[in-house]
PDB file of N, CA and C in Angstrom:
ATOM      1  N   UNK A   1     223.680 145.042 110.737  1.00  0.00           N
ATOM      2  CA  UNK A   1     221.942 145.025 111.059  1.00  0.00           C
ATOM      3  C   UNK A   1     221.778 146.334 111.092  1.00  0.00           C
ATOM      4  N   UNK A   2     220.846 147.010 110.213  1.00  0.00           N
ATOM      5  CA  UNK A   2     219.851 147.971 110.069  1.00  0.00           C
ATOM      6  C   UNK A   2     218.776 147.704 111.265  1.00  0.00           C
ATOM      7  N   UNK A   3     218.609 148.572 111.611  1.00  0.00           N
ATOM      8  CA  UNK A   3     217.695 148.581 112.541  1.00  0.00           C
ATOM      9  C   UNK A   3     215.648 148.176 111.227  1.00  0.00           C
ATOM     10  N   UNK A   4     214.950 147.374 112.246  1.00  0.00           N
ATOM     11  CA  UNK A   4     213.626 147.287 111.234  1.00  0.00           C
ATOM     12  C   UNK A   4     212.592 148.314 111.215  1.00  0.00           C
ATOM     13  N   UNK A   5     212.480 149.636 110.841  1.00  0.00           N
ATOM     14  CA  UNK A   5     211.627 150.509 110.606  1.00  0.00           C
ATOM     15  C   UNK A   5     210.445 149.904 109.546  1.00  0.00           C
ATOM     16  N   UNK A   6     209.269 150.540 110.808  1.00  0.00           N
ATOM     17  CA  UNK A   6     207.633 149.721 110.810  1.00  0.00           C
ATOM     18  C   UNK A   6     206.746 151.230 110.420  1.00  0.00           C
ATOM     19  N   UNK A   7     206.434 150.704 109.321  1.00  0.00           N
ATOM     20  CA  UNK A   7     205.814 152.323 108.535  1.00  0.00           C
ATOM     21  C   UNK A   7     204.275 151.708 108.432  1.00  0.00           C
ATOM     22  N   UNK A   8     203.194 152.668 109.090  1.00  0.00           N
ATOM     23  CA  UNK A   8     201.724 152.145 109.570  1.00  0.00           C
ATOM     24  C   UNK A   8     200.513 153.254 108.730  1.00  0.00           C
ATOM     25  N   UNK A   9     200.186 152.494 108.116  1.00  0.00           N
ATOM     26  CA  UNK A   9     198.960 153.123 107.357  1.00  0.00           C
ATOM     27  C   UNK A   9     197.728 152.655 107.278  1.00  0.00           C
ATOM     28  N   UNK A  10     197.020 153.353 107.675  1.00  0.00           N
ATOM     29  CA  UNK A  10     195.457 153.362 107.708  1.00  0.00           C
ATOM     30  C   UNK A  10     195.094 153.555 106.728  1.00  0.00           C
ATOM     31  N   UNK A  11     194.238 153.071 106.834  1.00  0.00           N
ATOM     32  CA  UNK A  11     193.429 152.443 104.942  1.00  0.00           C
ATOM     33  C   UNK A  11     192.237 152.259 105.531  1.00  0.00           C
ATOM     34  N   UNK A  12     190.852 153.373 105.167  1.00  0.00           N
ATOM     35  CA  UNK A  12     189.815 153.483 104.853  1.00  0.00           C
ATOM     36  C   UNK A  12     189.495 154.309 103.995  1.00  0.00           C
ATOM     37  N   UNK A  13     188.912 153.546 102.855  1.00  0.00           N
ATOM     38  CA  UNK A  13     188.220 154.514 101.516  1.00  0.00           C
ATOM     39  C   UNK A  13     189.519 155.140 101.403  1.00  0.00           C
ATOM     40  N   UNK A  14     190.169 154.413 100.492  1.00  0.00           N
ATOM     41  CA  UNK A  14     191.159 155.496  99.962  1.00  0.00           C
ATOM     42  C   UNK A  14     191.289 154.256  98.237  1.00  0.00           C
ATOM     43  N   UNK A  15     190.346 153.250  98.006  1.00  0.00           N
ATOM     44  CA  UNK A  15     190.961 152.667  96.843  1.00  0.00           C
ATOM     45  C   UNK A  15     191.711 152.818  95.449  1.00  0.00           C
ATOM     46  N   UNK A  16     190.955 153.740  95.190  1.00  0.00           N
ATOM     47  CA  UNK A  16     191.707 154.767  94.496  1.00  0.00           C
ATOM     48  C   UNK A  16     193.556 155.108  94.811  1.00  0.00           C
ATOM     49  N   UNK A  17     193.924 155.284  95.934  1.00  0.00           N
ATOM     50  CA  UNK A  17     195.207 155.862  96.593  1.00  0.00           C
ATOM     51  C   UNK A  17     196.326 155.233  96.481  1.00  0.00           C
ATOM     52  N   UNK A  18     195.652 153.901  97.534  1.00  0.00           N
ATOM     53  CA  UNK A  18     196.088 152.881  98.045  1.00  0.00           C
ATOM     54  C   UNK A  18     197.011 152.155  97.498  1.00  0.00           C
ATOM     55  N   UNK A  19     197.353 151.732  95.718  1.00  0.00           N
ATOM     56  CA  UNK A  19     198.196 151.348  95.515  1.00  0.00           C
ATOM     57  C   UNK A  19     198.849 152.317  94.737  1.00  0.00           C
ATOM     58  N   UNK A  20     199.529 153.579  94.959  1.00  0.00           N
ATOM     59  CA  UNK A  20     199.938 154.405  94.336  1.00  0.00           C
ATOM     60  C   UNK A  20     201.388 154.835  95.894  1.00  0.00           C
ATOM     61  N   UNK A  21     200.474 153.765  97.261  1.00  0.00           N
ATOM     62  CA  UNK A  21     200.999 154.255  98.892  1.00  0.00           C
ATOM     63  C   UNK A  21     201.560 154.200  98.861  1.00  0.00           C
ATOM     64  N   UNK A  22     201.428 152.026  98.766  1.00  0.00           N
ATOM     65  CA  UNK A  22     202.255 150.796  98.666  1.00  0.00           C
ATOM     66  C   UNK A  22     203.534 150.692  97.945  1.00  0.00           C
ATOM     67  N   UNK A  23     202.572 150.904  97.028  1.00  0.00           N
ATOM     68  CA  UNK A  23     204.148 150.704  95.130  1.00  0.00           C
ATOM     69  C   UNK A  23     204.815 151.739  96.160  1.00  0.00           C
ATOM     70  N   UNK A  24     204.601 152.790  96.670  1.00  0.00           N
ATOM     71  CA  UNK A  24     205.904 154.075  97.264  1.00  0.00           C
ATOM     72  C   UNK A  24     206.769 153.174  98.005  1.00  0.00           C
ATOM     73  N   UNK A  25     205.899 153.109  99.241  1.00  0.00           N
ATOM     74  CA  UNK A  25     206.762 152.849  99.777  1.00  0.00           C
ATOM     75  C   UNK A  25     207.652 151.645  99.847  1.00  0.00           C
ATOM     76  N   UNK A  26     206.761 150.346  98.946  1.00  0.00           N
ATOM     77  CA  UNK A  26     208.038 149.526  98.325  1.00  0.00           C
ATOM     78  C   UNK A  26     208.882 150.029  97.737  1.00  0.00           C
ATOM     79  N   UNK A  27     208.557 151.115  96.665  1.00  0.00           N
ATOM     80  CA  UNK A  27     210.295 151.795  96.410  1.00  0.00           C
ATOM     81  C   UNK A  27     211.149 152.045  96.696  1.00  0.00           C
ATOM     82  N   UNK A  28     211.188 152.084  97.790  1.00  0.00           N
ATOM     83  CA  UNK A  28     212.721 153.001  98.922  1.00  0.00           C
ATOM     84  C   UNK A  28     213.633 152.463  99.101  1.00  0.00           C
ATOM     85  N   UNK A  29     214.626 152.676  98.703  1.00  0.00           N
ATOM     86  CA  UNK A  29     216.034 152.026  99.129  1.00  0.00           C
ATOM     87  C   UNK A  29     215.860 151.043 100.702  1.00  0.00           C
ATOM     88  N   UNK A  30     215.949 151.950 101.374  1.00  0.00           N
ATOM     89  CA  UNK A  30     215.621 150.988 102.694  1.00  0.00           C
ATOM     90  C   UNK A  30     215.394 149.777 102.765  1.00  0.00           C
ATOM     91  N   UNK A  31     216.090 148.995 103.149  1.00  0.00           N
ATOM     92  CA  UNK A  31     215.434 147.457 103.020  1.00  0.00           C
ATOM     93  C   UNK A  31     214.736 146.778 103.927  1.00  0.00           C
ATOM     94  N   UNK A  32     215.491 147.158 105.438  1.00  0.00           N
ATOM     95  CA  UNK A  32     214.947 146.327 106.795  1.00  0.00           C
ATOM     96  C   UNK A  32     213.676 147.152 107.240  1.00  0.00           C
ATOM     97  N   UNK A  33     212.880 147.273 105.883  1.00  0.00           N
ATOM     98  CA  UNK A  33     211.149 147.593 106.361  1.00  0.00           C
ATOM     99  C   UNK A  33     209.797 147.125 106.211  1.00  0.00           C
ATOM    100  N   UNK A  34     209.146 147.074 107.652  1.00  0.00           N
ATOM    101  CA  UNK A  34     207.732 146.471 107.350  1.00  0.00           C
ATOM    102  C   UNK A  34     206.244 147.465 107.647  1.00  0.00           C
ATOM    103  N   UNK A  35     206.009 147.360 106.311  1.00  0.00           N
ATOM    104  CA  UNK A  35     204.673 147.609 106.281  1.00  0.00           C
ATOM    105  C   UNK A  35     203.121 147.707 106.818  1.00  0.00           C
ATOM    106  N   UNK A  36     202.862 148.032 107.777  1.00  0.00           N
ATOM    107  CA  UNK A  36     201.907 147.684 108.541  1.00  0.00           C
ATOM    108  C   UNK A  36     200.268 148.425 108.282  1.00  0.00           C
ATOM    109  N   UNK A  37     199.643 147.534 107.238  1.00  0.00           N
ATOM    110  CA  UNK A  37     197.948 148.467 106.475  1.00  0.00           C
ATOM    111  C   UNK A  37     196.752 148.003 107.383  1.00  0.00           C
ATOM    112  N   UNK A  38     196.395 149.064 108.212  1.00  0.00           N
ATOM    113  CA  UNK A  38     195.693 148.345 108.819  1.00  0.00           C
ATOM    114  C   UNK A  38     194.629 148.333 108.098  1.00  0.00           C
ATOM    115  N   UNK A  39     193.803 148.146 108.239  1.00  0.00           N
ATOM    116  CA  UNK A  39     192.189 147.897 107.709  1.00  0.00           C
ATOM    117  C   UNK A  39     191.205 148.852 108.594  1.00  0.00           C
ATOM    118  N   UNK A  40     190.825 149.696 108.396  1.00  0.00           N
ATOM    119  CA  UNK A  40     189.536 149.583 108.954  1.00  0.00           C
ATOM    120  C   UNK A  40     187.922 149.461 109.027  1.00  0.00           C
ATOM    121  N   UNK A  41     187.681 148.786 108.365  1.00  0.00           N
ATOM    122  CA  UNK A  41     186.436 147.624 108.187  1.00  0.00           C
ATOM    123  C   UNK A  41     186.369 148.562 106.944  1.00  0.00           C
ATOM    124  N   UNK A  42     187.040 148.972 105.801  1.00  0.00           N
ATOM    125  CA  UNK A  42     186.847 149.987 104.409  1.00  0.00           C
ATOM    126  C   UNK A  42     185.812 149.605 104.056  1.00  0.00           C
ATOM    127  N   UNK A  43     184.416 150.524 103.021  1.00  0.00           N
ATOM    128  CA  UNK A  43     183.707 149.103 102.669  1.00  0.00           C
ATOM    129  C   UNK A  43     184.009 149.409 101.145  1.00  0.00           C
ATOM    130  N   UNK A  44     185.027 149.640 100.771  1.00  0.00           N
ATOM    131  CA  UNK A  44     185.311 149.193  99.140  1.00  0.00           C
ATOM    132  C   UNK A  44     186.109 148.060  99.212  1.00  0.00           C
ATOM    133  N   UNK A  45     187.309 148.056  97.650  1.00  0.00           N
ATOM    134  CA  UNK A  45     187.593 146.514  97.308  1.00  0.00           C
ATOM    135  C   UNK A  45     189.558 146.987  98.504  1.00  0.00           C
ATOM    136  N   UNK A  46     189.503 148.039  99.525  1.00  0.00           N
ATOM    137  CA  UNK A  46     190.644 148.388 100.082  1.00  0.00           C
ATOM    138  C   UNK A  46     191.263 146.836 101.036  1.00  0.00           C
ATOM    139  N   UNK A  47     190.399 146.352 101.428  1.00  0.00           N
ATOM    140  CA  UNK A  47     190.658 145.140 101.609  1.00  0.00           C
ATOM    141  C   UNK A  47     191.044 144.047 101.366  1.00  0.00           C
ATOM    142  N   UNK A  48     190.335 144.233 100.145  1.00  0.00           N
ATOM    143  CA  UNK A  48     190.840 142.831  99.204  1.00  0.00           C
ATOM    144  C   UNK A  48     192.449 143.044  98.854  1.00  0.00           C
ATOM    145  N   UNK A  49     192.250 144.520  98.390  1.00  0.00           N
ATOM    146  CA  UNK A  49     193.618 144.829  98.123  1.00  0.00           C
ATOM    147  C   UNK A  49     195.290 144.884  99.092  1.00  0.00           C
ATOM    148  N   UNK A  50     194.768 144.799  99.841  1.00  0.00           N
ATOM    149  CA  UNK A  50     195.202 144.709 101.022  1.00  0.00           C
ATOM    150  C   UNK A  50     196.661 143.560 101.579  1.00  0.00           C
ATOM    151  N   UNK A  51     194.778 142.912 100.841  1.00  0.00           N
ATOM    152  CA  UNK A  51     195.391 141.547 101.462  1.00  0.00           C
ATOM    153  C   UNK A  51     196.616 140.437  99.611  1.00  0.00           C
ATOM    154  N   UNK A  52     196.060 141.230  98.471  1.00  0.00           N
ATOM    155  CA  UNK A  52     196.989 141.022  97.847  1.00  0.00           C
ATOM    156  C   UNK A  52     198.787 141.405  98.007  1.00  0.00           C
ATOM    157  N   UNK A  53     198.441 143.186  98.043  1.00  0.00           N
ATOM    158  CA  UNK A  53     199.670 143.253  98.795  1.00  0.00           C
ATOM    159  C   UNK A  53     200.393 142.173  99.734  1.00  0.00           C
ATOM    160  N   UNK A  54     199.782 141.859 100.548  1.00  0.00           N
ATOM    161  CA  UNK A  54     200.449 141.218 101.523  1.00  0.00           C
ATOM    162  C   UNK A  54     201.238 139.631 100.982  1.00  0.00           C
ATOM    163  N   UNK A  55     200.650 138.486  99.950  1.00  0.00           N
ATOM    164  CA  UNK A  55     200.484 137.995  99.191  1.00  0.00           C
ATOM    165  C   UNK A  55     201.722 138.106  98.809  1.00  0.00           C
ATOM    166  N   UNK A  56     202.148 139.630  97.944  1.00  0.00           N
ATOM    167  CA  UNK A  56     203.246 139.556  97.100  1.00  0.00           C
ATOM    168  C   UNK A  56     204.083 139.965  97.557  1.00  0.00           C
ATOM    169  N   UNK A  57     204.773 140.421  98.802  1.00  0.00           N
ATOM    170  CA  UNK A  57     206.018 140.650  99.456  1.00  0.00           C
ATOM    171  C   UNK A  57     205.682 140.438 100.944  1.00  0.00           C
ATOM    172  N   UNK A  58     206.197 139.753 101.845  1.00  0.00           N
ATOM    173  CA  UNK A  58     206.354 139.332 102.820  1.00  0.00           C
ATOM    174  C   UNK A  58     206.815 140.734 104.149  1.00  0.00           C
ATOM    175  N   UNK A  59     207.447 141.883 103.637  1.00  0.00           N
ATOM    176  CA  UNK A  59     207.874 143.248 104.040  1.00  0.00           C
ATOM    177  C   UNK A  59     206.070 143.609 104.463  1.00  0.00           C
ATOM    178  N   UNK A  60     205.155 143.484 104.679  1.00  0.00           N
ATOM    179  CA  UNK A  60     203.817 143.995 104.363  1.00  0.00           C
ATOM    180  C   UNK A  60     203.265 142.815 105.094  1.00  0.00           C
ATOM    181  N   UNK A  61     202.377 142.914 106.378  1.00  0.00           N
ATOM    182  CA  UNK A  61     201.199 142.760 107.319  1.00  0.00           C
ATOM    183  C   UNK A  61     199.983 143.638 106.679  1.00  0.00           C
ATOM    184  N   UNK A  62     198.754 142.703 106.992  1.00  0.00           N
ATOM    185  CA  UNK A  62     197.740 143.657 107.267  1.00  0.00           C
ATOM    186  C   UNK A  62     197.188 143.440 108.299  1.00  0.00           C
ATOM    187  N   UNK A  63     196.372 144.381 109.151  1.00  0.00           N
ATOM    188  CA  UNK A  63     195.783 144.139 109.854  1.00  0.00           C
ATOM    189  C   UNK A  63     194.451 144.336 109.126  1.00  0.00           C
ATOM    190  N   UNK A  64     193.582 143.919 110.055  1.00  0.00           N
ATOM    191  CA  UNK A  64     191.233 143.944 109.565  1.00  0.00           C
ATOM    192  C   UNK A  64     191.013 144.735 110.403  1.00  0.00           C
TER     193      UNK A  64
END
């Protein structure tokens, strides 16, 4: 079994780039991956976008 790799993504006022970032991480060929999105109280739609990605893929965790 491959080791678990955690990718931590800080999220604050990056609504314009967040989708592209997460999609790029999900497209990686390494399968044993967890993506931790850390929403630091972003005032835009980032918290909602993070939550939607978490619902779609079990490898994604969101911390608000």
